[in-house]
C-alpha atoms as a PDB file:
ATOM      1  CA  HIS A   1      -0.078  -0.071   0.085  1.00  0.00           C
ATOM      2  CA  ILE A   2       1.452   3.258  -1.112  1.00  0.00           C
ATOM      3  CA  PHE A   3       1.330   6.205   1.395  1.00  0.00           C
ATOM      4  CA  ARG A   4       0.692   9.346  -0.630  1.00  0.00           C
ATOM      5  CA  MET A   5       0.420  13.096   0.372  1.00  0.00           C
ATOM      6  CA  SER A   6      -2.471  14.056  -1.374  1.00  0.00           C
ATOM      7  CA  LEU A   7      -3.199  17.432  -3.019  1.00  0.00           C
ATOM      8  CA  ILE A   8      -5.394  19.733  -0.785  1.00  0.00           C
ATOM      9  CA  LEU A   9      -7.929  21.391  -3.198  1.00  0.00           C
ATOM     10  CA  ASN A  10      -8.019  25.090  -1.571  1.00  0.00           C
ATOM     11  CA  GLY A  11     -11.208  26.476  -2.331  1.00  0.00           C
ATOM     12  CA  LYS A  12     -10.576  29.360  -0.100  1.00  0.00           C
ATOM     13  CA  GLU A  13      -7.312  30.384  -2.216  1.00  0.00           C
ATOM     14  CA  LEU A  14      -9.115  30.148  -5.333  1.00  0.00           C
ATOM     15  CA  ALA A  15     -12.396  31.851  -4.013  1.00  0.00           C
ATOM     16  CA  SER A  16      -9.990  34.812  -3.119  1.00  0.00           C
ATOM     17  CA  ILE A  17      -8.553  34.954  -6.547  1.00  0.00           C
ATOM     18  CA  ILE A  18     -12.021  35.024  -8.107  1.00  0.00           C
ATOM     19  CA  SER A  19     -13.197  37.613  -5.749  1.00  0.00           C
ATOM     20  CA  ALA A  20     -10.128  40.009  -6.780  1.00  0.00           C
ATOM     21  CA  GLU A  21     -11.251  39.727 -10.325  1.00  0.00           C
ATOM     22  CA  ILE A  22     -14.734  40.414  -9.443  1.00  0.00           C
ATOM     23  CA  ALA A  23     -13.856  43.531  -7.287  1.00  0.00           C
ATOM     24  CA  GLN A  24     -11.534  44.799 -10.316  1.00  0.00           C
ATOM     25  CA  GLN A  25     -14.512  44.537 -12.621  1.00  0.00           C
ATOM     26  CA  THR A  26     -17.012  46.138 -10.317  1.00  0.00           C
ATOM     27  CA  ALA A  27     -14.763  48.952  -9.051  1.00  0.00           C
ATOM     28  CA  VAL A  28     -15.123  50.549 -12.625  1.00  0.00           C
ATOM     29  CA  LEU A  29     -18.827  50.394 -12.870  1.00  0.00           C
ATOM     30  CA  ALA A  30     -20.893  53.758 -12.448  1.00  0.00           C
ATOM     31  CA  THR A  31     -23.884  51.814 -11.296  1.00  0.00           C
ATOM     32  CA  LYS A  32     -22.990  48.726  -8.990  1.00  0.00           C
ATOM     33  CA  PRO A  33     -24.598  45.255  -9.152  1.00  0.00           C
ATOM     34  CA  ARG A  34     -27.522  44.817  -6.615  1.00  0.00           C
ATOM     35  CA  LEU A  35     -28.333  41.581  -4.996  1.00  0.00           C
ATOM     36  CA  ALA A  36     -31.659  41.182  -3.072  1.00  0.00           C
ATOM     37  CA  ILE A  37     -31.865  38.559  -0.283  1.00  0.00           C
ATOM     38  CA  ILE A  38     -35.241  37.306   1.156  1.00  0.00           C
ATOM     39  CA  LEU A  39     -34.969  35.640   4.530  1.00  0.00           C
ATOM     40  CA  VAL A  40     -38.046  34.184   5.954  1.00  0.00           C
ATOM     41  CA  GLY A  41     -38.025  33.137   9.686  1.00  0.00           C
ATOM     42  CA  ASN A  42     -35.016  33.011  12.018  1.00  0.00           C
ATOM     43  CA  ASN A  43     -32.858  29.848  11.020  1.00  0.00           C
ATOM     44  CA  LEU A  44     -29.522  30.467  13.149  1.00  0.00           C
ATOM     45  CA  ALA A  45     -27.697  28.695  10.126  1.00  0.00           C
ATOM     46  CA  SER A  46     -29.306  30.810   7.596  1.00  0.00           C
ATOM     47  CA  GLU A  47     -28.473  33.993   9.617  1.00  0.00           C
ATOM     48  CA  ILE A  48     -24.776  33.025   9.458  1.00  0.00           C
ATOM     49  CA  TYR A  49     -24.854  32.256   5.746  1.00  0.00           C
ATOM     50  CA  ILE A  50     -26.807  35.536   4.967  1.00  0.00           C
ATOM     51  CA  ARG A  51     -24.279  37.524   7.065  1.00  0.00           C
ATOM     52  CA  ASN A  52     -21.388  36.069   5.365  1.00  0.00           C
ATOM     53  CA  LYS A  53     -23.213  36.734   1.792  1.00  0.00           C
ATOM     54  CA  ILE A  54     -23.462  40.475   2.591  1.00  0.00           C
ATOM     55  CA  SER A  55     -19.903  40.963   3.971  1.00  0.00           C
ATOM     56  CA  CYS A  56     -18.700  39.324   0.957  1.00  0.00           C
ATOM     57  CA  ALA A  57     -20.847  41.274  -1.625  1.00  0.00           C
ATOM     58  CA  LYS A  58     -19.781  44.573   0.320  1.00  0.00           C
ATOM     59  CA  SER A  59     -16.085  43.733  -0.177  1.00  0.00           C
ATOM     60  CA  LEU A  60     -16.697  43.261  -4.009  1.00  0.00           C
ATOM     61  CA  ASN A  61     -18.792  46.499  -4.703  1.00  0.00           C
ATOM     62  CA  ILE A  62     -21.826  44.565  -4.830  1.00  0.00           C
ATOM     63  CA  GLU A  63     -24.922  46.359  -3.041  1.00  0.00           C
ATOM     64  CA  THR A  64     -27.285  44.257  -1.173  1.00  0.00           C
ATOM     65  CA  GLN A  65     -30.855  44.387  -0.086  1.00  0.00           C
ATOM     66  CA  LEU A  66     -32.069  42.153   2.912  1.00  0.00           C
ATOM     67  CA  ILE A  67     -35.719  41.845   3.082  1.00  0.00           C
ATOM     68  CA  ARG A  68     -36.818  40.012   6.540  1.00  0.00           C
ATOM     69  CA  LEU A  69     -40.093  38.244   6.677  1.00  0.00           C
ATOM     70  CA  PRO A  70     -41.436  36.539   9.897  1.00  0.00           C
ATOM     71  CA  SER A  71     -41.836  32.591   9.749  1.00  0.00           C
ATOM     72  CA  THR A  72     -45.548  33.014   9.617  1.00  0.00           C
ATOM     73  CA  ALA A  73     -45.356  34.983   5.935  1.00  0.00           C
ATOM     74  CA  THR A  74     -47.653  33.338   3.640  1.00  0.00           C
ATOM     75  CA  LYS A  75     -46.797  32.260   0.107  1.00  0.00           C
ATOM     76  CA  ASN A  76     -48.635  35.086  -1.242  1.00  0.00           C
ATOM     77  CA  ASN A  77     -46.650  37.538   0.926  1.00  0.00           C
ATOM     78  CA  ILE A  78     -43.358  35.914  -0.540  1.00  0.00           C
ATOM     79  CA  LEU A  79     -44.663  35.952  -4.160  1.00  0.00           C
ATOM     80  CA  GLU A  80     -45.766  39.720  -4.004  1.00  0.00           C
ATOM     81  CA  ILE A  81     -42.227  40.659  -3.025  1.00  0.00           C
ATOM     82  CA  ILE A  82     -40.583  38.551  -5.607  1.00  0.00           C
ATOM     83  CA  LYS A  83     -42.797  40.089  -8.310  1.00  0.00           C
ATOM     84  CA  SER A  84     -41.893  43.526  -7.128  1.00  0.00           C
ATOM     85  CA  LEU A  85     -37.984  42.587  -7.314  1.00  0.00           C
ATOM     86  CA  ASN A  86     -38.546  40.934 -10.726  1.00  0.00           C
ATOM     87  CA  GLU A  87     -40.008  44.364 -11.939  1.00  0.00           C
ATOM     88  CA  ASP A  88     -37.274  46.585 -10.250  1.00  0.00           C
ATOM     89  CA  PRO A  89     -34.752  47.374 -12.900  1.00  0.00           C
ATOM     90  CA  THR A  90     -32.109  48.224  -9.994  1.00  0.00           C
ATOM     91  CA  ILE A  91     -32.137  44.804  -8.865  1.00  0.00           C
ATOM     92  CA  ASN A  92     -30.004  42.281 -10.679  1.00  0.00           C
ATOM     93  CA  GLY A  93     -29.950  39.014  -8.524  1.00  0.00           C
ATOM     94  CA  ILE A  94     -32.427  37.442  -6.371  1.00  0.00           C
ATOM     95  CA  ILE A  95     -32.094  34.960  -3.661  1.00  0.00           C
ATOM     96  CA  VAL A  96     -34.450  33.316  -1.261  1.00  0.00           C
ATOM     97  CA  GLN A  97     -32.350  31.546   1.583  1.00  0.00           C
ATOM     98  CA  ALA A  98     -33.477  27.996   1.873  1.00  0.00           C
ATOM     99  CA  PRO A  99     -34.836  26.180   3.908  1.00  0.00           C
ATOM    100  CA  LEU A 100     -38.206  28.140   4.120  1.00  0.00           C
ATOM    101  CA  PRO A 101     -40.182  27.395   7.550  1.00  0.00           C
ATOM    102  CA  ASN A 102     -42.883  26.028   5.238  1.00  0.00           C
ATOM    103  CA  LYS A 103     -41.334  23.674   2.957  1.00  0.00           C
ATOM    104  CA  ASN A 104     -44.710  23.070   0.966  1.00  0.00           C
ATOM    105  CA  PHE A 105     -44.327  26.497  -1.029  1.00  0.00           C
ATOM    106  CA  GLN A 106     -40.476  26.490  -1.411  1.00  0.00           C
ATOM    107  CA  GLU A 107     -40.721  25.092  -5.168  1.00  0.00           C
ATOM    108  CA  SER A 108     -43.443  27.788  -6.296  1.00  0.00           C
ATOM    109  CA  VAL A 109     -41.441  30.623  -4.614  1.00  0.00           C
ATOM    110  CA  PHE A 110     -38.243  29.501  -6.437  1.00  0.00           C
ATOM    111  CA  GLU A 111     -40.064  29.281  -9.759  1.00  0.00           C
ATOM    112  CA  ALA A 112     -41.306  32.864  -9.297  1.00  0.00           C
ATOM    113  CA  ILE A 113     -37.812  34.432  -9.597  1.00  0.00           C
ATOM    114  CA  ASP A 114     -37.069  35.989 -13.016  1.00  0.00           C
ATOM    115  CA  PRO A 115     -34.649  33.560 -14.857  1.00  0.00           C
ATOM    116  CA  GLN A 116     -32.357  36.308 -15.610  1.00  0.00           C
ATOM    117  CA  LYS A 117     -32.286  37.426 -11.950  1.00  0.00           C
ATOM    118  CA  ASP A 118     -31.793  33.845 -10.720  1.00  0.00           C
ATOM    119  CA  VAL A 119     -28.316  34.037  -9.401  1.00  0.00           C
ATOM    120  CA  ASP A 120     -28.891  30.639  -7.252  1.00  0.00           C
ATOM    121  CA  GLY A 121     -29.635  28.826 -10.659  1.00  0.00           C
ATOM    122  CA  PHE A 122     -32.518  26.966  -8.954  1.00  0.00           C
ATOM    123  CA  THR A 123     -35.337  27.970 -11.735  1.00  0.00           C
ATOM    124  CA  PRO A 124     -36.659  25.430 -14.157  1.00  0.00           C
ATOM    125  CA  ALA A 125     -35.544  27.869 -17.018  1.00  0.00           C
ATOM    126  CA  ASN A 126     -32.233  27.761 -15.789  1.00  0.00           C
ATOM    127  CA  ILE A 127     -31.860  24.033 -15.088  1.00  0.00           C
ATOM    128  CA  GLY A 128     -33.539  23.564 -18.238  1.00  0.00           C
ATOM    129  CA  ARG A 129     -30.877  25.451 -20.045  1.00  0.00           C
ATOM    130  CA  LEU A 130     -28.100  23.797 -18.326  1.00  0.00           C
ATOM    131  CA  CYS A 131     -29.607  20.546 -19.524  1.00  0.00           C
ATOM    132  CA  ASN A 132     -29.723  21.732 -23.134  1.00  0.00           C
ATOM    133  CA  GLY A 133     -26.225  22.635 -22.925  1.00  0.00           C
ATOM    134  CA  ASN A 134     -26.493  26.387 -23.175  1.00  0.00           C
ATOM    135  CA  ARG A 135     -23.588  28.307 -21.674  1.00  0.00           C
ATOM    136  CA  ASN A 136     -25.289  31.630 -20.932  1.00  0.00           C
ATOM    137  CA  CYS A 137     -27.618  30.250 -18.099  1.00  0.00           C
ATOM    138  CA  LEU A 138     -27.104  30.894 -14.518  1.00  0.00           C
ATOM    139  CA  VAL A 139     -25.599  27.832 -12.910  1.00  0.00           C
ATOM    140  CA  ALA A 140     -26.291  26.760  -9.334  1.00  0.00           C
ATOM    141  CA  CYS A 141     -23.262  27.923  -7.079  1.00  0.00           C
ATOM    142  CA  THR A 142     -21.894  24.979  -5.539  1.00  0.00           C
ATOM    143  CA  PRO A 143     -21.716  22.937  -8.566  1.00  0.00           C
ATOM    144  CA  LEU A 144     -20.181  25.899 -10.584  1.00  0.00           C
ATOM    145  CA  GLY A 145     -17.688  26.183  -7.838  1.00  0.00           C
ATOM    146  CA  ILE A 146     -16.535  22.462  -7.523  1.00  0.00           C
ATOM    147  CA  TRP A 147     -16.180  22.637 -11.489  1.00  0.00           C
ATOM    148  CA  LYS A 148     -14.025  25.898 -11.275  1.00  0.00           C
ATOM    149  CA  LEU A 149     -11.946  24.352  -8.216  1.00  0.00           C
ATOM    150  CA  LEU A 150     -11.180  20.996 -10.387  1.00  0.00           C
ATOM    151  CA  SER A 151     -10.304  23.157 -13.377  1.00  0.00           C
ATOM    152  CA  TYR A 152      -8.023  25.305 -11.216  1.00  0.00           C
ATOM    153  CA  TYR A 153      -6.200  22.413 -10.381  1.00  0.00           C
ATOM    154  CA  ASN A 154      -5.985  21.111 -13.810  1.00  0.00           C
ATOM    155  CA  ILE A 155      -7.937  17.864 -12.755  1.00  0.00           C
ATOM    156  CA  SER A 156      -9.278  16.700 -16.110  1.00  0.00           C
ATOM    157  CA  LEU A 157     -12.935  15.285 -16.249  1.00  0.00           C
ATOM    158  CA  SER A 158     -13.301  13.989 -19.771  1.00  0.00           C
ATOM    159  CA  GLY A 159     -13.909  10.410 -20.037  1.00  0.00           C
ATOM    160  CA  LYS A 160     -13.426  10.088 -16.294  1.00  0.00           C
ATOM    161  CA  HIS A 161     -15.984   8.203 -14.123  1.00  0.00           C
ATOM    162  CA  VAL A 162     -17.527  10.962 -11.524  1.00  0.00           C
ATOM    163  CA  VAL A 163     -19.744   9.273  -8.534  1.00  0.00           C
ATOM    164  CA  ILE A 164     -22.070  11.797  -7.012  1.00  0.00           C
ATOM    165  CA  LEU A 165     -23.363  10.906  -3.451  1.00  0.00           C
ATOM    166  CA  GLY A 166     -26.634  12.728  -3.187  1.00  0.00           C
ATOM    167  CA  ARG A 167     -29.180  14.073  -5.869  1.00  0.00           C
ATOM    168  CA  SER A 168     -30.589  17.352  -4.262  1.00  0.00           C
ATOM    169  CA  ARG A 169     -31.730  20.130  -6.761  1.00  0.00           C
ATOM    170  CA  ILE A 170     -28.887  22.382  -4.991  1.00  0.00           C
ATOM    171  CA  VAL A 171     -25.882  20.310  -5.545  1.00  0.00           C
ATOM    172  CA  GLY A 172     -26.192  16.674  -6.921  1.00  0.00           C
ATOM    173  CA  ARG A 173     -28.785  17.000  -9.824  1.00  0.00           C
ATOM    174  CA  PRO A 174     -27.525  20.011 -11.438  1.00  0.00           C
ATOM    175  CA  LEU A 175     -23.716  18.982 -10.886  1.00  0.00           C
ATOM    176  CA  SER A 176     -24.407  15.749 -12.716  1.00  0.00           C
ATOM    177  CA  ILE A 177     -25.836  17.690 -15.543  1.00  0.00           C
ATOM    178  CA  LEU A 178     -22.818  20.156 -15.790  1.00  0.00           C
ATOM    179  CA  LEU A 179     -20.140  17.853 -15.626  1.00  0.00           C
ATOM    180  CA  SER A 180     -21.694  15.540 -18.212  1.00  0.00           C
ATOM    181  CA  GLN A 181     -21.997  18.361 -20.672  1.00  0.00           C
ATOM    182  CA  LYS A 182     -19.952  18.679 -23.869  1.00  0.00           C
ATOM    183  CA  PHE A 183     -18.458  21.913 -22.363  1.00  0.00           C
ATOM    184  CA  GLU A 184     -14.700  22.489 -21.980  1.00  0.00           C
ATOM    185  CA  GLY A 185     -13.364  20.643 -18.757  1.00  0.00           C
ATOM    186  CA  CYS A 186     -16.565  18.597 -18.399  1.00  0.00           C
ATOM    187  CA  ASN A 187     -17.335  15.389 -20.415  1.00  0.00           C
ATOM    188  CA  ALA A 188     -17.199  13.091 -17.684  1.00  0.00           C
ATOM    189  CA  THR A 189     -19.237   9.809 -17.261  1.00  0.00           C
ATOM    190  CA  VAL A 190     -21.570  10.613 -14.184  1.00  0.00           C
ATOM    191  CA  THR A 191     -23.294   8.062 -11.877  1.00  0.00           C
ATOM    192  CA  VAL A 192     -25.764   9.824  -9.130  1.00  0.00           C
ATOM    193  CA  CYS A 193     -26.189   7.912  -6.007  1.00  0.00           C
ATOM    194  CA  ASN A 194     -28.904   8.119  -3.239  1.00  0.00           C
ATOM    195  CA  SER A 195     -29.688   6.621   0.085  1.00  0.00           C
ATOM    196  CA  GLN A 196     -31.442   3.762  -1.643  1.00  0.00           C
ATOM    197  CA  THR A 197     -28.436   2.759  -3.902  1.00  0.00           C
ATOM    198  CA  LYS A 198     -27.461  -0.926  -3.680  1.00  0.00           C
ATOM    199  CA  HIS A 199     -23.989  -1.577  -3.629  1.00  0.00           C
ATOM    200  CA  LEU A 200     -23.056   1.951  -2.775  1.00  0.00           C
ATOM    201  CA  ALA A 201     -19.484   1.273  -1.490  1.00  0.00           C
ATOM    202  CA  GLU A 202     -18.575  -0.553  -4.685  1.00  0.00           C
ATOM    203  CA  ILE A 203     -19.940   2.123  -6.867  1.00  0.00           C
ATOM    204  CA  ALA A 204     -18.110   4.734  -4.928  1.00  0.00           C
ATOM    205  CA  GLN A 205     -14.992   2.852  -5.444  1.00  0.00           C
ATOM    206  CA  SER A 206     -15.348   2.701  -8.955  1.00  0.00           C
ATOM    207  CA  GLY A 207     -15.151   6.464  -9.259  1.00  0.00           C
ATOM    208  CA  ASP A 208     -12.122   8.194 -10.597  1.00  0.00           C
ATOM    209  CA  ILE A 209     -13.591  11.471  -8.887  1.00  0.00           C
ATOM    210  CA  LEU A 210     -15.914  10.859  -5.813  1.00  0.00           C
ATOM    211  CA  ILE A 211     -18.103  13.752  -4.809  1.00  0.00           C
ATOM    212  CA  SER A 212     -20.040  13.575  -1.512  1.00  0.00           C
ATOM    213  CA  ALA A 213     -23.060  15.733  -0.955  1.00  0.00           C
ATOM    214  CA  ILE A 214     -25.352  13.880   1.372  1.00  0.00           C
ATOM    215  CA  GLY A 215     -25.018  15.457   4.819  1.00  0.00           C
ATOM    216  CA  ASN A 216     -23.560  12.525   6.768  1.00  0.00           C
ATOM    217  CA  PRO A 217     -20.644  13.053   8.905  1.00  0.00           C
ATOM    218  CA  LYS A 218     -17.545  10.916   7.866  1.00  0.00           C
ATOM    219  CA  PHE A 219     -19.980   8.839   5.892  1.00  0.00           C
ATOM    220  CA  VAL A 220     -17.361   8.344   3.212  1.00  0.00           C
ATOM    221  CA  THR A 221     -14.496   5.914   4.433  1.00  0.00           C
ATOM    222  CA  LYS A 222     -11.179   4.809   3.040  1.00  0.00           C
ATOM    223  CA  ASN A 223     -12.685   1.619   1.926  1.00  0.00           C
ATOM    224  CA  MET A 224     -15.178   3.538  -0.523  1.00  0.00           C
ATOM    225  CA  ILE A 225     -12.368   5.110  -2.285  1.00  0.00           C
ATOM    226  CA  LYS A 226     -10.354   3.951  -5.320  1.00  0.00           C
ATOM    227  CA  ASP A 227      -6.748   4.336  -4.990  1.00  0.00           C
ATOM    228  CA  GLY A 228      -5.572   7.800  -6.288  1.00  0.00           C
ATOM    229  CA  ALA A 229      -9.087   9.154  -6.599  1.00  0.00           C
ATOM    230  CA  VAL A 230      -9.877  12.742  -6.415  1.00  0.00           C
ATOM    231  CA  VAL A 231     -12.300  13.458  -3.597  1.00  0.00           C
ATOM    232  CA  VAL A 232     -14.750  16.493  -3.201  1.00  0.00           C
ATOM    233  CA  ASP A 233     -16.315  16.917   0.092  1.00  0.00           C
ATOM    234  CA  VAL A 234     -19.510  19.434   0.006  1.00  0.00           C
ATOM    235  CA  GLY A 235     -20.931  18.321   3.365  1.00  0.00           C
ATOM    236  CA  ILE A 236     -20.832  20.849   6.287  1.00  0.00           C
ATOM    237  CA  ASN A 237     -22.221  18.925   9.403  1.00  0.00           C
ATOM    238  CA  ARG A 238     -22.014  20.638  12.731  1.00  0.00           C
ATOM    239  CA  ILE A 239     -20.993  18.087  15.498  1.00  0.00           C
ATOM    240  CA  PRO A 240     -21.601  19.153  19.136  1.00  0.00           C
ATOM    241  CA  ASP A 241     -18.283  19.549  20.793  1.00  0.00           C
ATOM    242  CA  ASN A 242     -17.821  21.457  24.278  1.00  0.00           C
ATOM    243  CA  THR A 243     -13.907  21.830  23.728  1.00  0.00           C
ATOM    244  CA  CYS A 244     -14.663  24.312  20.918  1.00  0.00           C
ATOM    245  CA  PRO A 245     -15.641  27.828  21.538  1.00  0.00           C
ATOM    246  CA  LYS A 246     -18.804  27.652  19.389  1.00  0.00           C
ATOM    247  CA  GLY A 247     -20.061  24.559  21.185  1.00  0.00           C
ATOM    248  CA  TYR A 248     -19.617  22.699  17.921  1.00  0.00           C
ATOM    249  CA  ARG A 249     -17.353  21.976  15.185  1.00  0.00           C
ATOM    250  CA  LEU A 250     -17.479  21.272  11.387  1.00  0.00           C
ATOM    251  CA  SER A 251     -17.168  17.957   9.817  1.00  0.00           C
ATOM    252  CA  GLY A 252     -17.494  17.006   6.172  1.00  0.00           C
ATOM    253  CA  ASP A 253     -19.089  13.895   4.635  1.00  0.00           C
ATOM    254  CA  VAL A 254     -15.730  12.427   4.361  1.00  0.00           C
ATOM    255  CA  ASP A 255     -13.341  10.706   6.923  1.00  0.00           C
ATOM    256  CA  PHE A 256     -10.486  13.268   5.947  1.00  0.00           C
ATOM    257  CA  GLU A 257      -7.587  11.910   7.711  1.00  0.00           C
ATOM    258  CA  HIS A 258      -8.016   8.246   6.603  1.00  0.00           C
ATOM    259  CA  VAL A 259      -9.194   8.861   3.035  1.00  0.00           C
ATOM    260  CA  GLN A 260      -6.423  11.468   2.523  1.00  0.00           C
ATOM    261  CA  GLU A 261      -4.077   8.490   2.798  1.00  0.00           C
ATOM    262  CA  ILE A 262      -4.968   6.819  -0.393  1.00  0.00           C
ATOM    263  CA  CYS A 263      -6.694   9.849  -2.519  1.00  0.00           C
ATOM    264  CA  SER A 264      -4.690  11.860  -4.939  1.00  0.00           C
ATOM    265  CA  ALA A 265      -6.546  15.051  -4.092  1.00  0.00           C
ATOM    266  CA  ILE A 266      -9.007  16.133  -1.705  1.00  0.00           C
ATOM    267  CA  THR A 267     -11.097  19.222  -0.333  1.00  0.00           C
ATOM    268  CA  PRO A 268     -10.999  20.118   3.075  1.00  0.00           C
ATOM    269  CA  VAL A 269     -14.010  21.160   5.302  1.00  0.00           C
ATOM    270  CA  PRO A 270     -13.897  24.022   6.031  1.00  0.00           C
ATOM    271  CA  GLY A 271     -11.806  25.712   3.417  1.00  0.00           C
ATOM    272  CA  GLY A 272     -12.854  23.688   0.448  1.00  0.00           C
ATOM    273  CA  VAL A 273     -16.174  23.731  -1.508  1.00  0.00           C
ATOM    274  CA  GLY A 274     -17.908  26.534   1.062  1.00  0.00           C
ATOM    275  CA  PRO A 275     -15.920  29.556  -0.087  1.00  0.00           C
ATOM    276  CA  MET A 276     -16.241  28.591  -3.574  1.00  0.00           C
ATOM    277  CA  THR A 277     -19.999  28.640  -3.284  1.00  0.00           C
ATOM    278  CA  ILE A 278     -20.330  32.090  -2.038  1.00  0.00           C
ATOM    279  CA  ALA A 279     -17.604  33.407  -4.618  1.00  0.00           C
ATOM    280  CA  MET A 280     -19.861  31.849  -7.336  1.00  0.00           C
ATOM    281  CA  LEU A 281     -23.001  33.472  -5.774  1.00  0.00           C
ATOM    282  CA  MET A 282     -20.947  36.962  -6.513  1.00  0.00           C
ATOM    283  CA  HIS A 283     -19.801  35.678  -9.895  1.00  0.00           C
ATOM    284  CA  ASN A 284     -23.555  34.971 -10.831  1.00  0.00           C
ATOM    285  CA  THR A 285     -24.637  38.329  -9.661  1.00  0.00           C
ATOM    286  CA  LEU A 286     -22.034  40.120 -11.793  1.00  0.00           C
ATOM    287  CA  GLN A 287     -23.178  37.902 -14.705  1.00  0.00           C
ATOM    288  CA  ALA A 288     -26.910  38.691 -14.029  1.00  0.00           C
ATOM    289  CA  PHE A 289     -26.009  42.338 -14.143  1.00  0.00           C
ATOM    290  CA  GLU A 290     -23.956  42.124 -17.348  1.00  0.00           C
ATOM    291  CA  LEU A 291     -26.904  40.072 -19.103  1.00  0.00           C
ATOM    292  CA  GLN A 292     -29.396  42.786 -18.052  1.00  0.00           C
ATOM    293  CA  ASN A 293     -27.279  45.411 -19.100  1.00  0.00           C
ATOM    294  CA  LYS A 294     -26.237  43.621 -22.401  1.00  0.00           C
ATOM    295  CA  ARG A 295     -22.668  43.840 -21.494  1.00  0.00           C
ATOM    296  CA  PRO A 296     -20.286  41.164 -22.953  1.00  0.00           C
ATOM    297  CA  LEU A 297     -20.181  38.181 -20.548  1.00  0.00           C
ATOM    298  CA  THR A 298     -17.157  37.658 -18.159  1.00  0.00           C
ATOM    299  CA  LYS A 299     -15.744  34.239 -18.123  1.00  0.00           C
END
């Protein structure tokens, strides 16, 4: 058995490079891109995410407008706000922070966002365009961030077998569509697994690249990894831990220290996929601004 030092895929480093590029592009704009964020209820994790998004936007000359609604907000309350933001020419991007207190109308809320302002990439129009291989659609932030991270480290996907654990509409599903496209840097053969998949360990082990987005701490163990595979950990799980100042520590889906011994490259948690997701939200906001102002698209 070869002990190898695997390459750490540093999402924090790449996110700061991308952010610096965005800041340069926005610095010269007379009107700045504007992002509207709708937050329903008071979910602690959502509050933290929103705070991060707002401070990141501010550092990149992207203006934000936070709209807070009580957890009792009805579907119509939310839809009316989305309608007015869709019609407001000064707003370039709209996100509704998930999860909503009432899961029943999450779908129709996402569907109401103007696809040109859908910087999360969740509307049926943008998912459909991605399916059709349209390069000008807004792509969901985490999949886009993973793809950019792999290409930054020159990890070729063409002809490779990518195994994705998890089929969520936020990560697994759009990621599988993106990586299997004929786009430059994609062209992978993709298998999507879920909690009902039989022989999951064997399928995982056949992956040249394994991407885990199931939200189950340390679920991916060393015996599920092909020797020399690339491992991308999307999971951010909070494990209660009284020895930490915050009372919890973050753990990914992957048993990092053991998997690291046999893979060729791996993303850390934190500092891997997370920072890329926020950087892509800013990238998408600038792209939406350019689409709406008919400027040339940034790469």
